[in-house]
Amino acid sequence: MRLLLVEDDTALGEGVRAGLKAEGYTVDWLQDGVSAVHALLSETFDLLVLDLGLPRLGGIQVLQQLRKSGSNLPVLILTARDDTDDRIAGLDAGADDYLVKPFDLNELKARLRALLRRSAGRAQAVVEHAGVSLDPSSQQVRYQGAAVVLTPKEYVLLHELLSQPGKVFTRERLTQLLYGWDEEAESNTLEVHIHHLRKKLFTGLIRTVRGIGYLVEA
């Protein structure tokens, strides 16, 4: 899953990014509201973690512009503002959840998993499809009951494809999902990951849509 973190506190931002990357997220990090709006309106993300007290443009304004664009991107506000009025303002502006600093990183991870689950319309945490089960909380994958060992990139790719069976994902979208802004991907890297997933699971799980990208059959 590709996540945009907007946080102007450098130490906190680095800590959150490291913790979420270790969880398997691809994390792009910005430190001001104007840059955040530009990124949100020009690129695709699965989640937004948004501070309120941002330079150049406040978090509430960022959120308002995002919702005005018609986006239903799941948004978690992460802020030191713990007044009831601030929480109400954030939720009324379109936030889906609200976490007050200081916070436990494990709680943040759990809240993000819940947001992803709700946005995908799933009641259960475990993703199951075509004999494959994927548990986001433990990052364990099984096929027909047997454990399957995946690399972090393979896990992220499988999670995305399994979460929305029948949806065609473009090569560009999947490459951005895996590498974000701070990693360089070789031209055939995505194909290599797809090949390994097919080999570790089964060939027919992921179908190539010629000239576009890939999908898991519904």
C-alpha atoms as a PDB file:
ATOM      1  CA  MET A   1       0.000   0.000   0.000  1.00  0.00           C
ATOM      2  CA  ARG A   2       1.257   3.469  -0.878  1.00  0.00           C
ATOM      3  CA  LEU A   3       0.868   6.052   1.862  1.00  0.00           C
ATOM      4  CA  LEU A   4       1.434   9.804   1.897  1.00  0.00           C
ATOM      5  CA  LEU A   5       2.712  11.140   5.204  1.00  0.00           C
ATOM      6  CA  VAL A   6       2.427  14.908   5.698  1.00  0.00           C
ATOM      7  CA  GLU A   7       4.281  15.919   8.857  1.00  0.00           C
ATOM      8  CA  ASP A   8       6.599  18.895   9.428  1.00  0.00           C
ATOM      9  CA  ASP A   9       8.314  17.526  12.549  1.00  0.00           C
ATOM     10  CA  THR A  10      11.463  15.942  11.106  1.00  0.00           C
ATOM     11  CA  ALA A  11      12.194  13.531  13.946  1.00  0.00           C
ATOM     12  CA  LEU A  12       8.593  12.332  14.144  1.00  0.00           C
ATOM     13  CA  GLY A  13       8.301  12.073  10.370  1.00  0.00           C
ATOM     14  CA  GLU A  14      11.439   9.977  10.106  1.00  0.00           C
ATOM     15  CA  GLY A  15      10.247   7.687  12.898  1.00  0.00           C
ATOM     16  CA  VAL A  16       6.783   7.185  11.439  1.00  0.00           C
ATOM     17  CA  ARG A  17       8.141   6.624   7.942  1.00  0.00           C
ATOM     18  CA  ALA A  18      10.648   4.034   9.166  1.00  0.00           C
ATOM     19  CA  GLY A  19       8.016   2.242  11.232  1.00  0.00           C
ATOM     20  CA  LEU A  20       5.468   2.110   8.424  1.00  0.00           C
ATOM     21  CA  LYS A  21       8.032   1.053   5.824  1.00  0.00           C
ATOM     22  CA  ALA A  22       8.986  -1.823   8.117  1.00  0.00           C
ATOM     23  CA  GLU A  23       5.273  -2.767   8.090  1.00  0.00           C
ATOM     24  CA  GLY A  24       5.377  -3.030   4.288  1.00  0.00           C
ATOM     25  CA  TYR A  25       3.980   0.367   3.306  1.00  0.00           C
ATOM     26  CA  THR A  26       5.568   2.450   0.581  1.00  0.00           C
ATOM     27  CA  VAL A  27       5.777   5.828   2.327  1.00  0.00           C
ATOM     28  CA  ASP A  28       6.202   9.187   0.606  1.00  0.00           C
ATOM     29  CA  TRP A  29       6.781  12.026   3.058  1.00  0.00           C
ATOM     30  CA  LEU A  30       6.119  15.757   2.666  1.00  0.00           C
ATOM     31  CA  GLN A  31       6.491  18.552   5.187  1.00  0.00           C
ATOM     32  CA  ASP A  32       4.135  21.327   4.015  1.00  0.00           C
ATOM     33  CA  GLY A  33       0.527  21.653   2.963  1.00  0.00           C
ATOM     34  CA  VAL A  34       1.021  23.146  -0.501  1.00  0.00           C
ATOM     35  CA  SER A  35       3.269  20.276  -1.604  1.00  0.00           C
ATOM     36  CA  ALA A  36       0.771  17.832  -0.130  1.00  0.00           C
ATOM     37  CA  VAL A  37      -2.139  19.214  -2.174  1.00  0.00           C
ATOM     38  CA  HIS A  38      -0.071  19.054  -5.357  1.00  0.00           C
ATOM     39  CA  ALA A  39       0.900  15.431  -4.705  1.00  0.00           C
ATOM     40  CA  LEU A  40      -2.618  14.357  -3.729  1.00  0.00           C
ATOM     41  CA  LEU A  41      -4.182  15.863  -6.851  1.00  0.00           C
ATOM     42  CA  SER A  42      -1.535  14.541  -9.251  1.00  0.00           C
ATOM     43  CA  GLU A  43      -0.668  11.068  -7.917  1.00  0.00           C
ATOM     44  CA  THR A  44      -2.406   8.011  -6.471  1.00  0.00           C
ATOM     45  CA  PHE A  45      -2.163   6.929  -2.845  1.00  0.00           C
ATOM     46  CA  ASP A  46      -3.992   4.378  -0.703  1.00  0.00           C
ATOM     47  CA  LEU A  47      -3.849   6.350   2.560  1.00  0.00           C
ATOM     48  CA  LEU A  48      -3.087   9.822   3.861  1.00  0.00           C
ATOM     49  CA  VAL A  49      -1.631  10.502   7.314  1.00  0.00           C
ATOM     50  CA  LEU A  50      -1.996  14.229   7.842  1.00  0.00           C
ATOM     51  CA  ASP A  51      -0.719  16.632  10.495  1.00  0.00           C
ATOM     52  CA  LEU A  52      -2.834  19.741  11.098  1.00  0.00           C
ATOM     53  CA  GLY A  53      -0.183  22.328  12.005  1.00  0.00           C
ATOM     54  CA  LEU A  54       1.633  22.518   8.678  1.00  0.00           C
ATOM     55  CA  PRO A  55       3.605  25.373   7.092  1.00  0.00           C
ATOM     56  CA  ARG A  56       2.301  27.144   3.949  1.00  0.00           C
ATOM     57  CA  LEU A  57      -1.154  25.527   4.178  1.00  0.00           C
ATOM     58  CA  GLY A  58      -2.824  23.970   7.229  1.00  0.00           C
ATOM     59  CA  GLY A  59      -3.955  20.381   7.385  1.00  0.00           C
ATOM     60  CA  ILE A  60      -7.657  21.243   7.484  1.00  0.00           C
ATOM     61  CA  GLN A  61      -7.274  23.231   4.244  1.00  0.00           C
ATOM     62  CA  VAL A  62      -5.372  20.336   2.653  1.00  0.00           C
ATOM     63  CA  LEU A  63      -8.185  17.986   3.612  1.00  0.00           C
ATOM     64  CA  GLN A  64     -10.868  20.350   2.348  1.00  0.00           C
ATOM     65  CA  GLN A  65      -9.163  20.654  -1.044  1.00  0.00           C
ATOM     66  CA  LEU A  66      -8.773  16.880  -1.251  1.00  0.00           C
ATOM     67  CA  ARG A  67     -12.462  16.278  -0.583  1.00  0.00           C
ATOM     68  CA  LYS A  68     -13.489  19.111  -2.896  1.00  0.00           C
ATOM     69  CA  SER A  69     -11.666  17.276  -5.701  1.00  0.00           C
ATOM     70  CA  GLY A  70     -14.013  14.316  -5.155  1.00  0.00           C
ATOM     71  CA  SER A  71     -11.404  12.027  -3.628  1.00  0.00           C
ATOM     72  CA  ASN A  72     -12.530   9.437  -1.074  1.00  0.00           C
ATOM     73  CA  LEU A  73      -8.958   8.625  -0.013  1.00  0.00           C
ATOM     74  CA  PRO A  74      -8.876   7.335   3.601  1.00  0.00           C
ATOM     75  CA  VAL A  75      -7.381  10.046   5.838  1.00  0.00           C
ATOM     76  CA  LEU A  76      -6.031   9.780   9.361  1.00  0.00           C
ATOM     77  CA  ILE A  77      -5.251  13.046  11.129  1.00  0.00           C
ATOM     78  CA  LEU A  78      -2.174  12.895  13.313  1.00  0.00           C
ATOM     79  CA  THR A  79      -1.807  15.945  15.527  1.00  0.00           C
ATOM     80  CA  ALA A  80      -0.963  17.390  18.923  1.00  0.00           C
ATOM     81  CA  ARG A  81      -4.282  19.277  18.944  1.00  0.00           C
ATOM     82  CA  ASP A  82      -6.463  17.300  21.334  1.00  0.00           C
ATOM     83  CA  ASP A  83      -9.321  19.743  21.916  1.00  0.00           C
ATOM     84  CA  THR A  84     -12.762  18.384  21.128  1.00  0.00           C
ATOM     85  CA  ASP A  85     -13.385  21.283  18.734  1.00  0.00           C
ATOM     86  CA  ASP A  86     -10.236  20.418  16.768  1.00  0.00           C
ATOM     87  CA  ARG A  87     -11.284  16.776  16.479  1.00  0.00           C
ATOM     88  CA  ILE A  88     -14.749  17.783  15.331  1.00  0.00           C
ATOM     89  CA  ALA A  89     -13.290  20.196  12.759  1.00  0.00           C
ATOM     90  CA  GLY A  90     -11.032  17.503  11.349  1.00  0.00           C
ATOM     91  CA  LEU A  91     -13.770  14.907  11.109  1.00  0.00           C
ATOM     92  CA  ASP A  92     -16.232  17.409   9.620  1.00  0.00           C
ATOM     93  CA  ALA A  93     -13.627  18.380   7.011  1.00  0.00           C
ATOM     94  CA  GLY A  94     -13.549  14.779   5.833  1.00  0.00           C
ATOM     95  CA  ALA A  95     -11.089  12.858   8.002  1.00  0.00           C
ATOM     96  CA  ASP A  96     -11.840   9.193   8.683  1.00  0.00           C
ATOM     97  CA  ASP A  97      -9.883   8.888  11.919  1.00  0.00           C
ATOM     98  CA  TYR A  98      -7.975  11.033  14.402  1.00  0.00           C
ATOM     99  CA  LEU A  99      -4.910  10.143  16.494  1.00  0.00           C
ATOM    100  CA  VAL A 100      -3.429  12.523  19.055  1.00  0.00           C
ATOM    101  CA  LYS A 101       0.312  12.886  19.670  1.00  0.00           C
ATOM    102  CA  PRO A 102       2.109  11.360  21.457  1.00  0.00           C
ATOM    103  CA  PHE A 103       0.910   8.003  20.202  1.00  0.00           C
ATOM    104  CA  ASP A 104       1.967   4.375  20.015  1.00  0.00           C
ATOM    105  CA  LEU A 105       3.193   3.342  16.573  1.00  0.00           C
ATOM    106  CA  ASN A 106       1.423  -0.009  16.870  1.00  0.00           C
ATOM    107  CA  GLU A 107      -1.878   1.799  17.411  1.00  0.00           C
ATOM    108  CA  LEU A 108      -1.241   3.891  14.295  1.00  0.00           C
ATOM    109  CA  LYS A 109      -0.579   0.717  12.295  1.00  0.00           C
ATOM    110  CA  ALA A 110      -3.775  -0.895  13.588  1.00  0.00           C
ATOM    111  CA  ARG A 111      -5.838   2.182  12.750  1.00  0.00           C
ATOM    112  CA  LEU A 112      -4.395   2.273   9.227  1.00  0.00           C
ATOM    113  CA  ARG A 113      -5.208  -1.406   8.700  1.00  0.00           C
ATOM    114  CA  ALA A 114      -8.778  -0.701   9.826  1.00  0.00           C
ATOM    115  CA  LEU A 115      -9.068   2.240   7.408  1.00  0.00           C
ATOM    116  CA  LEU A 116      -7.842   0.098   4.521  1.00  0.00           C
ATOM    117  CA  ARG A 117     -10.243  -2.662   5.458  1.00  0.00           C
ATOM    118  CA  ARG A 118     -13.213  -0.290   5.564  1.00  0.00           C
ATOM    119  CA  SER A 119     -12.244   1.423   2.316  1.00  0.00           C
ATOM    120  CA  ALA A 120     -12.142  -1.974   0.606  1.00  0.00           C
ATOM    121  CA  GLY A 121     -15.563  -2.875   2.050  1.00  0.00           C
ATOM    122  CA  ARG A 122     -14.239  -5.816   4.077  1.00  0.00           C
ATOM    123  CA  ALA A 123     -15.431  -6.721   7.545  1.00  0.00           C
ATOM    124  CA  GLN A 124     -12.639  -9.218   8.137  1.00  0.00           C
ATOM    125  CA  ALA A 125      -8.944  -8.387   8.383  1.00  0.00           C
ATOM    126  CA  VAL A 126      -7.751 -11.443   6.449  1.00  0.00           C
ATOM    127  CA  VAL A 127      -7.930 -11.166   2.665  1.00  0.00           C
ATOM    128  CA  GLU A 128      -8.986 -14.455   1.051  1.00  0.00           C
ATOM    129  CA  HIS A 129      -9.284 -15.185  -2.653  1.00  0.00           C
ATOM    130  CA  ALA A 130      -8.703 -18.151  -4.969  1.00  0.00           C
ATOM    131  CA  GLY A 131      -7.216 -20.290  -2.215  1.00  0.00           C
ATOM    132  CA  VAL A 132      -4.823 -17.549  -1.110  1.00  0.00           C
ATOM    133  CA  SER A 133      -5.149 -15.954   2.325  1.00  0.00           C
ATOM    134  CA  LEU A 134      -3.251 -12.866   3.418  1.00  0.00           C
ATOM    135  CA  ASP A 135      -3.233 -11.526   6.976  1.00  0.00           C
ATOM    136  CA  PRO A 136      -2.228  -7.821   7.067  1.00  0.00           C
ATOM    137  CA  SER A 137      -1.622  -7.816  10.831  1.00  0.00           C
ATOM    138  CA  SER A 138       0.994 -10.575  10.691  1.00  0.00           C
ATOM    139  CA  GLN A 139       1.852 -10.287   6.969  1.00  0.00           C
ATOM    140  CA  GLN A 140       1.521 -14.060   6.683  1.00  0.00           C
ATOM    141  CA  VAL A 141       0.445 -15.540   3.354  1.00  0.00           C
ATOM    142  CA  ARG A 142      -0.939 -19.032   2.795  1.00  0.00           C
ATOM    143  CA  TYR A 143      -1.976 -20.925  -0.312  1.00  0.00           C
ATOM    144  CA  GLN A 144      -4.339 -23.848   0.215  1.00  0.00           C
ATOM    145  CA  GLY A 145      -3.352 -23.793   3.873  1.00  0.00           C
ATOM    146  CA  ALA A 146       0.404 -23.943   3.326  1.00  0.00           C
ATOM    147  CA  ALA A 147       2.612 -21.009   4.334  1.00  0.00           C
ATOM    148  CA  VAL A 148       4.192 -19.067   1.482  1.00  0.00           C
ATOM    149  CA  VAL A 149       7.326 -16.986   2.063  1.00  0.00           C
ATOM    150  CA  LEU A 150       7.314 -13.690   0.160  1.00  0.00           C
ATOM    151  CA  THR A 151       9.733 -10.788  -0.008  1.00  0.00           C
ATOM    152  CA  PRO A 152       8.395  -7.432   1.294  1.00  0.00           C
ATOM    153  CA  LYS A 153       7.848  -6.158  -2.273  1.00  0.00           C
ATOM    154  CA  GLU A 154       6.068  -9.357  -3.306  1.00  0.00           C
ATOM    155  CA  TYR A 155       3.818  -9.091  -0.246  1.00  0.00           C
ATOM    156  CA  VAL A 156       2.872  -5.469  -0.996  1.00  0.00           C
ATOM    157  CA  LEU A 157       2.125  -6.313  -4.630  1.00  0.00           C
ATOM    158  CA  LEU A 158       0.022  -9.356  -3.750  1.00  0.00           C
ATOM    159  CA  HIS A 159      -1.896  -7.416  -1.103  1.00  0.00           C
ATOM    160  CA  GLU A 160      -2.828  -4.713  -3.606  1.00  0.00           C
ATOM    161  CA  LEU A 161      -3.929  -7.130  -6.312  1.00  0.00           C
ATOM    162  CA  LEU A 162      -5.860  -9.438  -3.963  1.00  0.00           C
ATOM    163  CA  SER A 163      -7.643  -6.549  -2.258  1.00  0.00           C
ATOM    164  CA  GLN A 164      -9.495  -5.648  -5.452  1.00  0.00           C
ATOM    165  CA  PRO A 165     -10.092  -8.735  -7.632  1.00  0.00           C
ATOM    166  CA  GLY A 166     -11.155  -7.879 -11.153  1.00  0.00           C
ATOM    167  CA  LYS A 167      -9.543  -4.436 -11.105  1.00  0.00           C
ATOM    168  CA  VAL A 168      -6.822  -3.786 -13.669  1.00  0.00           C
ATOM    169  CA  PHE A 169      -3.791  -2.077 -12.171  1.00  0.00           C
ATOM    170  CA  THR A 170      -1.515  -0.228 -14.578  1.00  0.00           C
ATOM    171  CA  ARG A 171       2.215  -0.891 -14.572  1.00  0.00           C
ATOM    172  CA  GLU A 172       2.781   2.728 -13.535  1.00  0.00           C
ATOM    173  CA  ARG A 173       0.424   2.428 -10.563  1.00  0.00           C
ATOM    174  CA  LEU A 174       2.017  -0.793  -9.324  1.00  0.00           C
ATOM    175  CA  THR A 175       5.534   0.544  -9.773  1.00  0.00           C
ATOM    176  CA  GLN A 176       4.639   3.664  -7.762  1.00  0.00           C
ATOM    177  CA  LEU A 177       3.064   1.429  -5.130  1.00  0.00           C
ATOM    178  CA  LEU A 178       6.275  -0.555  -4.729  1.00  0.00           C
ATOM    179  CA  TYR A 179       8.872   2.186  -4.927  1.00  0.00           C
ATOM    180  CA  GLY A 180       7.366   5.639  -4.278  1.00  0.00           C
ATOM    181  CA  TRP A 181       9.685   8.614  -4.709  1.00  0.00           C
ATOM    182  CA  ASP A 182      12.812   7.530  -2.894  1.00  0.00           C
ATOM    183  CA  GLU A 183      13.662   4.279  -4.698  1.00  0.00           C
ATOM    184  CA  GLU A 184      14.709   3.737  -8.290  1.00  0.00           C
ATOM    185  CA  ALA A 185      13.134   0.757 -10.054  1.00  0.00           C
ATOM    186  CA  GLU A 186      14.696  -0.974 -13.042  1.00  0.00           C
ATOM    187  CA  SER A 187      12.523  -1.291 -16.130  1.00  0.00           C
ATOM    188  CA  ASN A 188      11.701  -4.994 -15.662  1.00  0.00           C
ATOM    189  CA  THR A 189      11.459  -5.060 -11.861  1.00  0.00           C
ATOM    190  CA  LEU A 190       7.663  -5.310 -11.757  1.00  0.00           C
ATOM    191  CA  GLU A 191       7.656  -8.227 -14.188  1.00  0.00           C
ATOM    192  CA  VAL A 192      10.196 -10.038 -12.028  1.00  0.00           C
ATOM    193  CA  HIS A 193       7.987  -9.665  -8.935  1.00  0.00           C
ATOM    194  CA  ILE A 194       4.931 -10.893 -10.872  1.00  0.00           C
ATOM    195  CA  HIS A 195       6.915 -13.901 -12.133  1.00  0.00           C
ATOM    196  CA  HIS A 196       7.981 -14.811  -8.585  1.00  0.00           C
ATOM    197  CA  LEU A 197       4.423 -14.523  -7.254  1.00  0.00           C
ATOM    198  CA  ARG A 198       3.110 -16.800  -9.974  1.00  0.00           C
ATOM    199  CA  LYS A 199       5.848 -19.318  -9.230  1.00  0.00           C
ATOM    200  CA  LYS A 200       5.273 -19.257  -5.463  1.00  0.00           C
ATOM    201  CA  LEU A 201       1.453 -19.382  -5.719  1.00  0.00           C
ATOM    202  CA  PHE A 202       0.022 -20.464  -9.069  1.00  0.00           C
ATOM    203  CA  THR A 203       0.392 -19.264 -12.640  1.00  0.00           C
ATOM    204  CA  GLY A 204      -3.240 -18.367 -13.229  1.00  0.00           C
ATOM    205  CA  LEU A 205      -3.607 -16.123 -10.185  1.00  0.00           C
ATOM    206  CA  ILE A 206      -2.329 -12.941 -11.852  1.00  0.00           C
ATOM    207  CA  ARG A 207      -3.348 -12.185 -15.424  1.00  0.00           C
ATOM    208  CA  THR A 208      -1.459  -9.858 -17.728  1.00  0.00           C
ATOM    209  CA  VAL A 209      -3.608  -7.275 -19.494  1.00  0.00           C
ATOM    210  CA  ARG A 210      -1.526  -6.563 -22.564  1.00  0.00           C
ATOM    211  CA  GLY A 211      -0.408  -2.974 -22.899  1.00  0.00           C
ATOM    212  CA  ILE A 212      -1.975  -1.970 -19.583  1.00  0.00           C
ATOM    213  CA  GLY A 213      -0.952  -3.954 -16.538  1.00  0.00           C
ATOM    214  CA  TYR A 214      -2.169  -6.813 -14.319  1.00  0.00           C
ATOM    215  CA  LEU A 215      -5.185  -8.109 -12.413  1.00  0.00           C
ATOM    216  CA  VAL A 216      -6.331 -10.940 -10.214  1.00  0.00           C
ATOM    217  CA  GLU A 217      -9.446 -12.514 -11.684  1.00  0.00           C
ATOM    218  CA  ALA A 218     -12.620 -11.864  -9.677  1.00  0.00           C
END
